[in-house]
Structure formats: C-alpha cells, structure tokens
Amino acid sequence: MMLDRPATSSTLVTVASGQLFSTSLIPTAVGNITKVFDADSALTDTSISGAYIDEIWLQYSKRNPLYIDAQTTSVGTYSQVGTAQVVTLANHNLQVGQKVYLDYTSGSGVDEILTVTAVTLTTFSGVSATTATTSGNVNVFPPIDICFYLVSTGTITNINQLFPLFVASVPATYDNQYFSLTEKNILPLINRPVVQAGSNFNSATSTTSPKMRGLTLQRGQAIYAAVSGAAALTNGFYVGVQAGYY
C-alpha cells in the first residue's frame, strides 16, 4: 500500500485490565488501558484518511536468561513420576504447546522449562527433562496475556467503547522477550494478496500468493492494550507498532 507518512511507535504497557481475561476481555474501568497507536482519534489532522499497521511486536523491558519476570509467580504443587510431570494450579492460563518456567521450591524437582502437553482448568502436564519420583511446591511463571482494543472515539467515557481485537498470550520464557504478532499469526489477514508468489501461511506446498497480516484503521480510530489480571506488571512490555498513514 502507498503510504504518505511512516508511523512507527513504541509504548510501554504495564497496566492491568482489572480482571482476568477468563472472566472478561473488557477492562473494569476506562483507565485500565494504554493507547499504543493513534490514527487521529481526535480528528484534528485532515491530511490523513487512516492508517495501515503491518506489524505489532512486544519487547520485554529487561533481559533475563531464564524467564520473563513481568509479574508475581503463582504457587502451585507438582507430582512427578519418572518424567511425567503434573502441576496443580488454579487459573494457570496455559495452553497445550506453550512453554512454562518451573521453579521447584520443595521436593527434588529440578528447575526447568516444561512444554505443556495437556491441561485441565486446574492442572497442566508435560514431560520433565529429568527422571524422578517426587512432589512438592513449585513457583510457576504463567503466560502474560495482552489484549488489544479498537476504539473509535478521541475521549473514552465508557468501557463499552472498547472493542477487543485479539489477545497475545506470551509464555514467560527467555525466548519470548521479543514476540512478533505477525510471526505468531495473531494479527488478522488483510484481504488482498501480495504481488509475489509463494506459500500461504501454514502451507509448505500451496502456490497461491500469500495474504498479508495487519490492520487498516480509518481516521478517528486508535488501538489500546491492557494486561490480564488485577495487578499491573512489575516489568512491562514495549508495544512496537510499524505503520503508516495514508
């Protein structure tokens, strides 16, 4: 797309929505959000018609070689038999395939990054890197969920003006300190093919031109973000937006 003015921004997000996203994606108050991109929501710039966003990424605000310590750890219990590991923790928020850092505080468990293979509402399971028969307490570094909202007003007066677009669930492991919403297929598909030929997303054999991921905003709209939970992040994420006005 032809862009008149490039618009790349980076905004620190720490604010929590006021409740877990398992309860609702909508924040409990209009102050529980942070603006991360603005396509002239105040309607003061008549030189633009809107904006196109082709990438949103998260950059953790510090470096850690083991985990992302953005929020307080959750305390659960574990039971290991051989390499089969089961952790009991309410509201763990993990999904199958995600990785989680486990800091074992009792028993003979060895701290590790576990890949989740099964979940219930109160437990998650995986294959431990060590073999043991043990149990005890464990500090769990749960994923950080960040919801992005579309707002079509310059002044937000009611939470009903916030419309959830998508949620980025960031596993709290060292390899997610940079997290691309394009690479993770979280940004929606734009309904137009790019000019070059190649494979579609998630297809190694298709010869159809791939679609682009991103967002198109009309003038007067903005994107906000908030973190799941009642407590703000101790260490936040910078939300980077690569975009342009047209």
C-alpha atoms as a PDB file:
ATOM      1  CA  MET A   1       0.000   0.000   0.000  1.00  0.00           C
ATOM      2  CA  MET A   2       1.216   3.512  -0.765  1.00  0.00           C
ATOM      3  CA  LEU A   3       1.820   5.413   2.477  1.00  0.00           C
ATOM      4  CA  ASP A   4       2.123   9.169   2.759  1.00  0.00           C
ATOM      5  CA  ARG A   5       3.809   9.178   6.183  1.00  0.00           C
ATOM      6  CA  PRO A   6       5.527   6.335   8.023  1.00  0.00           C
ATOM      7  CA  ALA A   7       4.438   5.940  11.637  1.00  0.00           C
ATOM      8  CA  THR A   8       6.460   3.653  13.895  1.00  0.00           C
ATOM      9  CA  SER A   9       5.900   3.853  17.641  1.00  0.00           C
ATOM     10  CA  SER A  10       6.859   2.113  20.882  1.00  0.00           C
ATOM     11  CA  THR A  11       4.795   2.370  24.071  1.00  0.00           C
ATOM     12  CA  LEU A  12       5.413   0.830  27.492  1.00  0.00           C
ATOM     13  CA  VAL A  13       2.441  -1.227  28.697  1.00  0.00           C
ATOM     14  CA  THR A  14       2.146  -2.283  32.337  1.00  0.00           C
ATOM     15  CA  VAL A  15      -1.483  -1.513  33.182  1.00  0.00           C
ATOM     16  CA  ALA A  16      -3.807  -4.398  34.059  1.00  0.00           C
ATOM     17  CA  SER A  17      -7.391  -4.601  32.857  1.00  0.00           C
ATOM     18  CA  GLY A  18      -8.700  -5.122  36.381  1.00  0.00           C
ATOM     19  CA  GLN A  19      -9.783  -8.735  35.972  1.00  0.00           C
ATOM     20  CA  LEU A  20      -8.619 -11.981  34.443  1.00  0.00           C
ATOM     21  CA  PHE A  21      -9.472 -12.434  30.779  1.00  0.00           C
ATOM     22  CA  SER A  22     -11.074 -15.734  31.765  1.00  0.00           C
ATOM     23  CA  THR A  23     -13.764 -13.539  33.323  1.00  0.00           C
ATOM     24  CA  SER A  24     -13.976 -10.941  30.545  1.00  0.00           C
ATOM     25  CA  LEU A  25     -11.717  -9.277  27.999  1.00  0.00           C
ATOM     26  CA  ILE A  26     -13.276  -5.896  28.801  1.00  0.00           C
ATOM     27  CA  PRO A  27     -11.367  -3.803  31.375  1.00  0.00           C
ATOM     28  CA  THR A  28     -13.174  -2.896  34.577  1.00  0.00           C
ATOM     29  CA  ALA A  29     -12.510   0.840  34.094  1.00  0.00           C
ATOM     30  CA  VAL A  30     -11.610   3.174  31.246  1.00  0.00           C
ATOM     31  CA  GLY A  31      -8.297   3.966  32.967  1.00  0.00           C
ATOM     32  CA  ASN A  32      -7.145   0.355  32.775  1.00  0.00           C
ATOM     33  CA  ILE A  33      -5.813   0.609  29.217  1.00  0.00           C
ATOM     34  CA  THR A  34      -2.869   2.172  27.400  1.00  0.00           C
ATOM     35  CA  LYS A  35      -3.004   3.753  23.943  1.00  0.00           C
ATOM     36  CA  VAL A  36      -0.416   2.158  21.637  1.00  0.00           C
ATOM     37  CA  PHE A  37      -1.343   3.668  18.258  1.00  0.00           C
ATOM     38  CA  ASP A  38      -3.482   6.604  17.154  1.00  0.00           C
ATOM     39  CA  ALA A  39      -4.936   7.258  13.707  1.00  0.00           C
ATOM     40  CA  ASP A  40      -6.008  10.793  14.621  1.00  0.00           C
ATOM     41  CA  SER A  41      -8.711   9.742  17.084  1.00  0.00           C
ATOM     42  CA  ALA A  42      -9.143  13.421  17.998  1.00  0.00           C
ATOM     43  CA  LEU A  43      -9.982  14.249  14.363  1.00  0.00           C
ATOM     44  CA  THR A  44      -7.558  17.176  14.191  1.00  0.00           C
ATOM     45  CA  ASP A  45      -5.377  16.072  11.246  1.00  0.00           C
ATOM     46  CA  THR A  46      -7.279  16.495   7.993  1.00  0.00           C
ATOM     47  CA  SER A  47      -4.231  15.481   5.925  1.00  0.00           C
ATOM     48  CA  ILE A  48      -4.797  11.747   6.523  1.00  0.00           C
ATOM     49  CA  SER A  49      -7.615   9.323   5.785  1.00  0.00           C
ATOM     50  CA  GLY A  50      -6.463   6.485   8.006  1.00  0.00           C
ATOM     51  CA  ALA A  51      -3.565   4.183   8.806  1.00  0.00           C
ATOM     52  CA  TYR A  52      -2.256   0.758   7.905  1.00  0.00           C
ATOM     53  CA  ILE A  53      -0.495  -1.370  10.533  1.00  0.00           C
ATOM     54  CA  ASP A  54       1.658  -4.175   9.147  1.00  0.00           C
ATOM     55  CA  GLU A  55       3.361  -5.301  12.368  1.00  0.00           C
ATOM     56  CA  ILE A  56       2.880  -5.203  16.129  1.00  0.00           C
ATOM     57  CA  TRP A  57       5.568  -6.654  18.361  1.00  0.00           C
ATOM     58  CA  LEU A  58       6.321  -6.874  22.073  1.00  0.00           C
ATOM     59  CA  GLN A  59       9.744  -6.163  23.536  1.00  0.00           C
ATOM     60  CA  TYR A  60      10.239  -7.047  27.199  1.00  0.00           C
ATOM     61  CA  SER A  61      11.639  -4.123  29.181  1.00  0.00           C
ATOM     62  CA  LYS A  62      14.635  -6.058  30.535  1.00  0.00           C
ATOM     63  CA  ARG A  63      16.795  -9.075  29.694  1.00  0.00           C
ATOM     64  CA  ASN A  64      16.663 -12.334  31.609  1.00  0.00           C
ATOM     65  CA  PRO A  65      18.434 -15.559  30.558  1.00  0.00           C
ATOM     66  CA  LEU A  66      15.809 -17.880  32.059  1.00  0.00           C
ATOM     67  CA  TYR A  67      12.327 -16.381  32.217  1.00  0.00           C
ATOM     68  CA  ILE A  68      10.169 -13.277  31.919  1.00  0.00           C
ATOM     69  CA  ASP A  69       9.613 -11.921  35.439  1.00  0.00           C
ATOM     70  CA  ALA A  70       6.923  -9.450  34.461  1.00  0.00           C
ATOM     71  CA  GLN A  71       4.535 -10.453  37.228  1.00  0.00           C
ATOM     72  CA  THR A  72       4.491 -12.280  40.541  1.00  0.00           C
ATOM     73  CA  THR A  73       4.897 -16.035  40.209  1.00  0.00           C
ATOM     74  CA  SER A  74       1.973 -18.329  41.038  1.00  0.00           C
ATOM     75  CA  VAL A  75       2.490 -21.010  43.692  1.00  0.00           C
ATOM     76  CA  GLY A  76       1.290 -24.498  42.819  1.00  0.00           C
ATOM     77  CA  THR A  77       2.066 -28.093  43.663  1.00  0.00           C
ATOM     78  CA  TYR A  78       3.634 -30.775  41.480  1.00  0.00           C
ATOM     79  CA  SER A  79       3.785 -34.534  41.301  1.00  0.00           C
ATOM     80  CA  GLN A  80       6.452 -36.227  39.183  1.00  0.00           C
ATOM     81  CA  VAL A  81       6.645 -39.930  38.403  1.00  0.00           C
ATOM     82  CA  GLY A  82       9.518 -40.791  36.077  1.00  0.00           C
ATOM     83  CA  THR A  83       9.436 -37.994  33.510  1.00  0.00           C
ATOM     84  CA  ALA A  84       5.653 -37.438  33.760  1.00  0.00           C
ATOM     85  CA  GLN A  85       5.062 -34.087  35.411  1.00  0.00           C
ATOM     86  CA  VAL A  86       1.671 -32.827  36.641  1.00  0.00           C
ATOM     87  CA  VAL A  87       1.313 -29.357  38.165  1.00  0.00           C
ATOM     88  CA  THR A  88      -1.810 -28.307  40.043  1.00  0.00           C
ATOM     89  CA  LEU A  89      -2.581 -24.599  39.888  1.00  0.00           C
ATOM     90  CA  ALA A  90      -5.925 -22.826  39.562  1.00  0.00           C
ATOM     91  CA  ASN A  91      -6.182 -20.210  36.787  1.00  0.00           C
ATOM     92  CA  HIS A  92      -2.830 -21.269  35.316  1.00  0.00           C
ATOM     93  CA  ASN A  93      -3.855 -19.836  31.915  1.00  0.00           C
ATOM     94  CA  LEU A  94      -1.625 -22.238  29.965  1.00  0.00           C
ATOM     95  CA  GLN A  95      -2.462 -23.863  26.639  1.00  0.00           C
ATOM     96  CA  VAL A  96      -1.212 -27.061  25.066  1.00  0.00           C
ATOM     97  CA  GLY A  97       2.039 -26.373  23.233  1.00  0.00           C
ATOM     98  CA  GLN A  98       3.075 -23.409  25.365  1.00  0.00           C
ATOM     99  CA  LYS A  99       6.262 -23.441  27.427  1.00  0.00           C
ATOM    100  CA  VAL A 100       6.399 -22.548  31.112  1.00  0.00           C
ATOM    101  CA  TYR A 101       9.290 -21.996  33.513  1.00  0.00           C
ATOM    102  CA  LEU A 102       9.008 -24.019  36.747  1.00  0.00           C
ATOM    103  CA  ASP A 103      10.960 -23.105  39.880  1.00  0.00           C
ATOM    104  CA  TYR A 104      10.665 -26.093  42.222  1.00  0.00           C
ATOM    105  CA  THR A 105      10.866 -24.989  45.867  1.00  0.00           C
ATOM    106  CA  SER A 106      10.480 -28.332  47.639  1.00  0.00           C
ATOM    107  CA  GLY A 107      10.953 -31.987  46.778  1.00  0.00           C
ATOM    108  CA  SER A 108      13.752 -32.963  44.405  1.00  0.00           C
ATOM    109  CA  GLY A 109      12.400 -31.402  41.203  1.00  0.00           C
ATOM    110  CA  VAL A 110      14.981 -29.642  39.038  1.00  0.00           C
ATOM    111  CA  ASP A 111      14.081 -26.176  37.727  1.00  0.00           C
ATOM    112  CA  GLU A 112      13.197 -26.364  34.054  1.00  0.00           C
ATOM    113  CA  ILE A 113      11.217 -25.111  31.080  1.00  0.00           C
ATOM    114  CA  LEU A 114       8.336 -27.515  30.532  1.00  0.00           C
ATOM    115  CA  THR A 115       6.353 -27.828  27.294  1.00  0.00           C
ATOM    116  CA  VAL A 116       2.673 -28.282  28.139  1.00  0.00           C
ATOM    117  CA  THR A 117       1.126 -31.427  26.651  1.00  0.00           C
ATOM    118  CA  ALA A 118      -2.262 -31.478  28.447  1.00  0.00           C
ATOM    119  CA  VAL A 119      -4.388 -29.093  30.502  1.00  0.00           C
ATOM    120  CA  THR A 120      -7.463 -29.003  32.697  1.00  0.00           C
ATOM    121  CA  LEU A 121      -8.880 -25.932  34.414  1.00  0.00           C
ATOM    122  CA  THR A 122      -6.684 -26.596  37.455  1.00  0.00           C
ATOM    123  CA  THR A 123      -3.747 -28.685  36.171  1.00  0.00           C
ATOM    124  CA  PHE A 124      -1.223 -28.869  33.357  1.00  0.00           C
ATOM    125  CA  SER A 125       1.107 -31.688  32.373  1.00  0.00           C
ATOM    126  CA  GLY A 126       4.303 -32.245  30.447  1.00  0.00           C
ATOM    127  CA  VAL A 127       7.422 -34.363  30.102  1.00  0.00           C
ATOM    128  CA  SER A 128      10.177 -33.373  32.517  1.00  0.00           C
ATOM    129  CA  ALA A 129      13.803 -33.197  31.417  1.00  0.00           C
ATOM    130  CA  THR A 130      14.772 -35.255  34.476  1.00  0.00           C
ATOM    131  CA  THR A 131      13.652 -38.634  35.801  1.00  0.00           C
ATOM    132  CA  ALA A 132      12.484 -38.757  39.410  1.00  0.00           C
ATOM    133  CA  THR A 133       9.654 -39.702  41.730  1.00  0.00           C
ATOM    134  CA  THR A 134       8.976 -36.623  43.823  1.00  0.00           C
ATOM    135  CA  SER A 135       6.406 -33.964  44.717  1.00  0.00           C
ATOM    136  CA  GLY A 136       6.229 -30.609  46.430  1.00  0.00           C
ATOM    137  CA  ASN A 137       5.659 -26.928  45.788  1.00  0.00           C
ATOM    138  CA  VAL A 138       6.569 -25.026  42.658  1.00  0.00           C
ATOM    139  CA  ASN A 139       6.677 -21.406  41.554  1.00  0.00           C
ATOM    140  CA  VAL A 140       5.052 -21.129  38.122  1.00  0.00           C
ATOM    141  CA  PHE A 141       5.786 -18.310  35.673  1.00  0.00           C
ATOM    142  CA  PRO A 142       2.415 -18.105  33.857  1.00  0.00           C
ATOM    143  CA  PRO A 143       1.992 -16.570  30.392  1.00  0.00           C
ATOM    144  CA  ILE A 144       1.284 -12.860  30.109  1.00  0.00           C
ATOM    145  CA  ASP A 145      -1.907 -12.123  28.199  1.00  0.00           C
ATOM    146  CA  ILE A 146      -2.227  -8.730  26.480  1.00  0.00           C
ATOM    147  CA  CYS A 147      -5.493  -7.778  24.778  1.00  0.00           C
ATOM    148  CA  PHE A 148      -5.650  -5.175  22.013  1.00  0.00           C
ATOM    149  CA  TYR A 149      -8.729  -2.985  21.625  1.00  0.00           C
ATOM    150  CA  LEU A 150     -10.176  -0.872  18.837  1.00  0.00           C
ATOM    151  CA  VAL A 151     -11.536   2.499  19.927  1.00  0.00           C
ATOM    152  CA  SER A 152     -13.399   4.889  17.631  1.00  0.00           C
ATOM    153  CA  THR A 153     -13.501   7.995  19.783  1.00  0.00           C
ATOM    154  CA  GLY A 154     -10.999  10.586  20.954  1.00  0.00           C
ATOM    155  CA  THR A 155     -12.306  10.550  24.534  1.00  0.00           C
ATOM    156  CA  ILE A 156     -13.223   7.273  26.194  1.00  0.00           C
ATOM    157  CA  THR A 157     -16.023   7.668  28.728  1.00  0.00           C
ATOM    158  CA  ASN A 158     -17.347   4.111  28.991  1.00  0.00           C
ATOM    159  CA  ILE A 159     -15.818   0.630  28.808  1.00  0.00           C
ATOM    160  CA  ASN A 160     -18.467  -0.215  26.195  1.00  0.00           C
ATOM    161  CA  GLN A 161     -16.395   1.879  23.766  1.00  0.00           C
ATOM    162  CA  LEU A 162     -13.606  -0.727  23.905  1.00  0.00           C
ATOM    163  CA  PHE A 163     -13.808  -3.485  21.297  1.00  0.00           C
ATOM    164  CA  PRO A 164     -11.379  -6.429  21.712  1.00  0.00           C
ATOM    165  CA  LEU A 165      -9.470  -7.345  18.549  1.00  0.00           C
ATOM    166  CA  PHE A 166      -7.127 -10.163  19.633  1.00  0.00           C
ATOM    167  CA  VAL A 167      -5.098 -11.440  22.597  1.00  0.00           C
ATOM    168  CA  ALA A 168      -1.370 -12.113  22.575  1.00  0.00           C
ATOM    169  CA  SER A 169      -0.545 -14.856  25.094  1.00  0.00           C
ATOM    170  CA  VAL A 170       3.193 -14.597  25.779  1.00  0.00           C
ATOM    171  CA  PRO A 171       4.825 -17.592  27.507  1.00  0.00           C
ATOM    172  CA  ALA A 172       7.097 -16.280  30.263  1.00  0.00           C
ATOM    173  CA  THR A 173      10.275 -17.956  28.989  1.00  0.00           C
ATOM    174  CA  TYR A 174      13.509 -16.296  27.891  1.00  0.00           C
ATOM    175  CA  ASP A 175      12.897 -16.907  24.178  1.00  0.00           C
ATOM    176  CA  ASN A 176       9.760 -14.739  24.148  1.00  0.00           C
ATOM    177  CA  GLN A 177      11.336 -11.478  25.300  1.00  0.00           C
ATOM    178  CA  TYR A 178      10.771 -10.391  21.708  1.00  0.00           C
ATOM    179  CA  PHE A 179       7.340 -11.501  20.483  1.00  0.00           C
ATOM    180  CA  SER A 180       6.034 -10.738  16.977  1.00  0.00           C
ATOM    181  CA  LEU A 181       2.276 -10.791  16.453  1.00  0.00           C
ATOM    182  CA  THR A 182       2.862 -11.336  12.740  1.00  0.00           C
ATOM    183  CA  GLU A 183       5.173 -14.314  13.206  1.00  0.00           C
ATOM    184  CA  LYS A 184       2.733 -15.832  15.720  1.00  0.00           C
ATOM    185  CA  ASN A 185      -0.177 -15.397  13.265  1.00  0.00           C
ATOM    186  CA  ILE A 186      -2.085 -13.226  15.741  1.00  0.00           C
ATOM    187  CA  LEU A 187      -2.565 -10.187  13.516  1.00  0.00           C
ATOM    188  CA  PRO A 188      -5.551 -10.803  11.189  1.00  0.00           C
ATOM    189  CA  LEU A 189      -5.205 -11.455   7.490  1.00  0.00           C
ATOM    190  CA  ILE A 190      -5.636  -8.498   5.160  1.00  0.00           C
ATOM    191  CA  ASN A 191      -7.985  -9.450   2.337  1.00  0.00           C
ATOM    192  CA  ARG A 192      -5.618  -8.728  -0.544  1.00  0.00           C
ATOM    193  CA  PRO A 193      -2.802 -10.869  -1.968  1.00  0.00           C
ATOM    194  CA  VAL A 194       0.738  -9.598  -2.096  1.00  0.00           C
ATOM    195  CA  VAL A 195       2.304  -9.307  -5.511  1.00  0.00           C
ATOM    196  CA  GLN A 196       4.929 -12.036  -5.177  1.00  0.00           C
ATOM    197  CA  ALA A 197       4.036 -15.732  -5.425  1.00  0.00           C
ATOM    198  CA  GLY A 198       4.714 -18.156  -2.616  1.00  0.00           C
ATOM    199  CA  SER A 199       3.207 -20.384   0.017  1.00  0.00           C
ATOM    200  CA  ASN A 200       0.252 -19.336   2.121  1.00  0.00           C
ATOM    201  CA  PHE A 201       0.571 -19.128   5.875  1.00  0.00           C
ATOM    202  CA  ASN A 202       0.928 -22.605   7.381  1.00  0.00           C
ATOM    203  CA  SER A 203       1.279 -24.241   3.963  1.00  0.00           C
ATOM    204  CA  ALA A 204       4.509 -25.563   2.506  1.00  0.00           C
ATOM    205  CA  THR A 205       3.031 -26.654  -0.823  1.00  0.00           C
ATOM    206  CA  SER A 206       0.495 -24.039  -1.907  1.00  0.00           C
ATOM    207  CA  THR A 207       1.362 -21.958  -4.972  1.00  0.00           C
ATOM    208  CA  THR A 208      -1.260 -19.313  -4.213  1.00  0.00           C
ATOM    209  CA  SER A 209       0.020 -15.856  -3.346  1.00  0.00           C
ATOM    210  CA  PRO A 210       0.057 -15.383   0.428  1.00  0.00           C
ATOM    211  CA  LYS A 211      -2.110 -12.846   2.170  1.00  0.00           C
ATOM    212  CA  MET A 212      -0.679 -10.088   4.346  1.00  0.00           C
ATOM    213  CA  ARG A 213      -1.305  -9.715   8.051  1.00  0.00           C
ATOM    214  CA  GLY A 214      -2.098  -6.369   9.611  1.00  0.00           C
ATOM    215  CA  LEU A 215      -4.808  -3.855  10.376  1.00  0.00           C
ATOM    216  CA  THR A 216      -6.362  -0.966   8.499  1.00  0.00           C
ATOM    217  CA  LEU A 217      -7.738   1.900  10.566  1.00  0.00           C
ATOM    218  CA  GLN A 218      -9.905   4.756   9.465  1.00  0.00           C
ATOM    219  CA  ARG A 219      -9.204   8.269  10.674  1.00  0.00           C
ATOM    220  CA  GLY A 220     -10.690   8.719  14.134  1.00  0.00           C
ATOM    221  CA  GLN A 221      -9.681   5.292  15.474  1.00  0.00           C
ATOM    222  CA  ALA A 222      -6.968   4.149  17.882  1.00  0.00           C
ATOM    223  CA  ILE A 223      -5.535   0.913  19.301  1.00  0.00           C
ATOM    224  CA  TYR A 224      -5.241   0.354  23.053  1.00  0.00           C
ATOM    225  CA  ALA A 225      -3.803  -2.512  25.104  1.00  0.00           C
ATOM    226  CA  ALA A 226      -4.203  -3.978  28.590  1.00  0.00           C
ATOM    227  CA  VAL A 227      -2.798  -6.915  30.533  1.00  0.00           C
ATOM    228  CA  SER A 228      -4.968  -9.645  32.021  1.00  0.00           C
ATOM    229  CA  GLY A 229      -5.388  -9.519  35.791  1.00  0.00           C
ATOM    230  CA  ALA A 230      -5.869  -7.129  38.669  1.00  0.00           C
ATOM    231  CA  ALA A 231      -2.224  -6.191  39.273  1.00  0.00           C
ATOM    232  CA  ALA A 232      -0.034  -4.150  36.928  1.00  0.00           C
ATOM    233  CA  LEU A 233       3.119  -5.741  35.546  1.00  0.00           C
ATOM    234  CA  THR A 234       6.228  -5.259  37.669  1.00  0.00           C
ATOM    235  CA  ASN A 235       8.243  -5.059  34.451  1.00  0.00           C
ATOM    236  CA  GLY A 236       6.320  -4.122  31.338  1.00  0.00           C
ATOM    237  CA  PHE A 237       6.458  -4.720  27.613  1.00  0.00           C
ATOM    238  CA  TYR A 238       7.127  -2.107  24.978  1.00  0.00           C
ATOM    239  CA  VAL A 239       4.462  -2.486  22.306  1.00  0.00           C
ATOM    240  CA  GLY A 240       6.009  -1.637  18.974  1.00  0.00           C
ATOM    241  CA  VAL A 241       3.792  -0.683  16.037  1.00  0.00           C
ATOM    242  CA  GLN A 242       5.066  -0.399  12.467  1.00  0.00           C
ATOM    243  CA  ALA A 243       2.540   1.526  10.445  1.00  0.00           C
ATOM    244  CA  GLY A 244       1.888   4.355   8.046  1.00  0.00           C
ATOM    245  CA  TYR A 245      -0.759   6.986   7.432  1.00  0.00           C
ATOM    246  CA  TYR A 246      -2.495   7.360   4.089  1.00  0.00           C
END
